[in-house]
């Protein structure tokens, strides 16, 4: 069982600079895989798994309108985030 992420407020403007994906050696394209690019998805999720700002990233991703939501954020795909939004609307846990 994985621990639930705490979703902090988005007031902190510097969280993106502390993100694992912001490291110079990380290719940002890995976070926007095309259909069937499972290797990119797995790579992005590994980077996210060690990120200190996953909560902030997920909160921002969940706040995006579904049609504009794309890419890997906080180790989740757009489909994962749509499922989380649905659970929240129904009153379920994330």
C-alpha atoms as a PDB file:
ATOM      1  CA  UNK A   1       0.000   0.000   0.000  1.00  0.00           C
ATOM      2  CA  UNK A   2       1.365   3.429  -0.885  1.00  0.00           C
ATOM      3  CA  UNK A   3       0.993   6.436   1.345  1.00  0.00           C
ATOM      4  CA  UNK A   4      -1.361   9.151   0.146  1.00  0.00           C
ATOM      5  CA  UNK A   5       0.345  12.299  -1.036  1.00  0.00           C
ATOM      6  CA  UNK A   6      -0.341  15.438   0.921  1.00  0.00           C
ATOM      7  CA  UNK A   7      -1.573  18.124  -1.447  1.00  0.00           C
ATOM      8  CA  UNK A   8      -0.124  21.454  -0.313  1.00  0.00           C
ATOM      9  CA  UNK A   9      -1.378  24.792  -1.512  1.00  0.00           C
ATOM     10  CA  UNK A  10       0.044  26.170  -4.736  1.00  0.00           C
ATOM     11  CA  UNK A  11       1.106  29.415  -3.035  1.00  0.00           C
ATOM     12  CA  UNK A  12       4.783  28.505  -3.168  1.00  0.00           C
ATOM     13  CA  UNK A  13       6.078  29.832  -6.475  1.00  0.00           C
ATOM     14  CA  UNK A  14       9.501  28.197  -6.282  1.00  0.00           C
ATOM     15  CA  UNK A  15       8.422  24.548  -6.057  1.00  0.00           C
ATOM     16  CA  UNK A  16       9.028  23.949  -9.782  1.00  0.00           C
ATOM     17  CA  UNK A  17      12.697  24.878  -9.405  1.00  0.00           C
ATOM     18  CA  UNK A  18      13.056  22.140  -6.762  1.00  0.00           C
ATOM     19  CA  UNK A  19      11.407  19.484  -8.927  1.00  0.00           C
ATOM     20  CA  UNK A  20      13.426  16.446 -10.002  1.00  0.00           C
ATOM     21  CA  UNK A  21      12.340  17.076 -13.595  1.00  0.00           C
ATOM     22  CA  UNK A  22      13.987  20.507 -13.503  1.00  0.00           C
ATOM     23  CA  UNK A  23      17.485  19.005 -13.218  1.00  0.00           C
ATOM     24  CA  UNK A  24      19.687  19.907 -16.199  1.00  0.00           C
ATOM     25  CA  UNK A  25      20.323  16.257 -17.074  1.00  0.00           C
ATOM     26  CA  UNK A  26      16.588  15.470 -17.390  1.00  0.00           C
ATOM     27  CA  UNK A  27      15.042  15.603 -20.868  1.00  0.00           C
ATOM     28  CA  UNK A  28      11.617  17.282 -20.512  1.00  0.00           C
ATOM     29  CA  UNK A  29      10.306  15.304 -23.492  1.00  0.00           C
ATOM     30  CA  UNK A  30      10.273  12.157 -21.349  1.00  0.00           C
ATOM     31  CA  UNK A  31       7.250  13.608 -19.511  1.00  0.00           C
ATOM     32  CA  UNK A  32       5.198  13.821 -22.719  1.00  0.00           C
ATOM     33  CA  UNK A  33       5.300  10.313 -24.165  1.00  0.00           C
ATOM     34  CA  UNK A  34       3.457   9.450 -27.321  1.00  0.00           C
ATOM     35  CA  UNK A  35       1.090   6.521 -27.707  1.00  0.00           C
ATOM     36  CA  UNK A  36       2.863   3.249 -26.987  1.00  0.00           C
ATOM     37  CA  UNK A  37       5.994   4.876 -25.516  1.00  0.00           C
ATOM     38  CA  UNK A  38       5.896   2.835 -22.313  1.00  0.00           C
ATOM     39  CA  UNK A  39       9.619   3.252 -21.804  1.00  0.00           C
ATOM     40  CA  UNK A  40       9.219   7.030 -21.528  1.00  0.00           C
ATOM     41  CA  UNK A  41       6.310   6.631 -19.122  1.00  0.00           C
ATOM     42  CA  UNK A  42       8.355   4.330 -16.893  1.00  0.00           C
ATOM     43  CA  UNK A  43      11.361   6.676 -17.014  1.00  0.00           C
ATOM     44  CA  UNK A  44       9.238   9.702 -16.107  1.00  0.00           C
ATOM     45  CA  UNK A  45       7.601   7.830 -13.236  1.00  0.00           C
ATOM     46  CA  UNK A  46      11.021   6.834 -11.867  1.00  0.00           C
ATOM     47  CA  UNK A  47      12.103  10.487 -11.891  1.00  0.00           C
ATOM     48  CA  UNK A  48       8.862  11.540 -10.203  1.00  0.00           C
ATOM     49  CA  UNK A  49       9.249   8.848  -7.531  1.00  0.00           C
ATOM     50  CA  UNK A  50      12.318  10.612  -6.129  1.00  0.00           C
ATOM     51  CA  UNK A  51      10.919  14.142  -6.481  1.00  0.00           C
ATOM     52  CA  UNK A  52      10.591  16.280  -3.335  1.00  0.00           C
ATOM     53  CA  UNK A  53       7.648  18.292  -4.728  1.00  0.00           C
ATOM     54  CA  UNK A  54       5.313  15.529  -5.916  1.00  0.00           C
ATOM     55  CA  UNK A  55       2.448  16.921  -3.839  1.00  0.00           C
ATOM     56  CA  UNK A  56       2.652  20.371  -5.402  1.00  0.00           C
ATOM     57  CA  UNK A  57       2.959  18.901  -8.878  1.00  0.00           C
ATOM     58  CA  UNK A  58      -0.042  16.619  -8.414  1.00  0.00           C
ATOM     59  CA  UNK A  59      -2.138  19.457  -6.986  1.00  0.00           C
ATOM     60  CA  UNK A  60      -1.385  21.562 -10.051  1.00  0.00           C
ATOM     61  CA  UNK A  61      -2.125  18.664 -12.397  1.00  0.00           C
ATOM     62  CA  UNK A  62      -5.447  17.953 -10.710  1.00  0.00           C
ATOM     63  CA  UNK A  63      -6.402  21.637 -10.944  1.00  0.00           C
ATOM     64  CA  UNK A  64      -5.982  21.634 -14.744  1.00  0.00           C
ATOM     65  CA  UNK A  65      -9.087  21.242 -16.894  1.00  0.00           C
ATOM     66  CA  UNK A  66      -9.214  17.685 -18.247  1.00  0.00           C
ATOM     67  CA  UNK A  67      -8.850  18.697 -21.898  1.00  0.00           C
ATOM     68  CA  UNK A  68      -5.641  20.619 -21.135  1.00  0.00           C
ATOM     69  CA  UNK A  69      -4.208  17.951 -18.869  1.00  0.00           C
ATOM     70  CA  UNK A  70      -1.403  16.004 -20.492  1.00  0.00           C
ATOM     71  CA  UNK A  71       1.914  14.407 -19.719  1.00  0.00           C
ATOM     72  CA  UNK A  72       3.276  12.768 -16.604  1.00  0.00           C
ATOM     73  CA  UNK A  73       2.897  14.763 -13.387  1.00  0.00           C
ATOM     74  CA  UNK A  74       3.874  13.510  -9.942  1.00  0.00           C
ATOM     75  CA  UNK A  75       4.175  10.016 -11.374  1.00  0.00           C
ATOM     76  CA  UNK A  76       0.629  10.029 -12.744  1.00  0.00           C
ATOM     77  CA  UNK A  77      -0.670  10.007 -16.303  1.00  0.00           C
ATOM     78  CA  UNK A  78      -3.557  12.180 -17.508  1.00  0.00           C
ATOM     79  CA  UNK A  79      -5.745   9.067 -17.274  1.00  0.00           C
ATOM     80  CA  UNK A  80      -4.647   8.505 -13.655  1.00  0.00           C
ATOM     81  CA  UNK A  81      -5.489  12.115 -12.802  1.00  0.00           C
ATOM     82  CA  UNK A  82      -8.910  11.862 -14.472  1.00  0.00           C
ATOM     83  CA  UNK A  83      -9.601   8.830 -12.270  1.00  0.00           C
ATOM     84  CA  UNK A  84      -8.522  10.761  -9.154  1.00  0.00           C
ATOM     85  CA  UNK A  85     -10.768  13.703 -10.112  1.00  0.00           C
ATOM     86  CA  UNK A  86     -13.676  11.290 -10.562  1.00  0.00           C
ATOM     87  CA  UNK A  87     -13.042   9.698  -7.175  1.00  0.00           C
ATOM     88  CA  UNK A  88     -12.979  13.129  -5.558  1.00  0.00           C
ATOM     89  CA  UNK A  89     -16.250  14.126  -7.206  1.00  0.00           C
ATOM     90  CA  UNK A  90     -17.832  10.952  -5.859  1.00  0.00           C
ATOM     91  CA  UNK A  91     -16.369  11.643  -2.421  1.00  0.00           C
ATOM     92  CA  UNK A  92     -13.768   8.868  -2.512  1.00  0.00           C
ATOM     93  CA  UNK A  93     -10.179   8.947  -1.357  1.00  0.00           C
ATOM     94  CA  UNK A  94      -7.225   9.554  -3.692  1.00  0.00           C
END
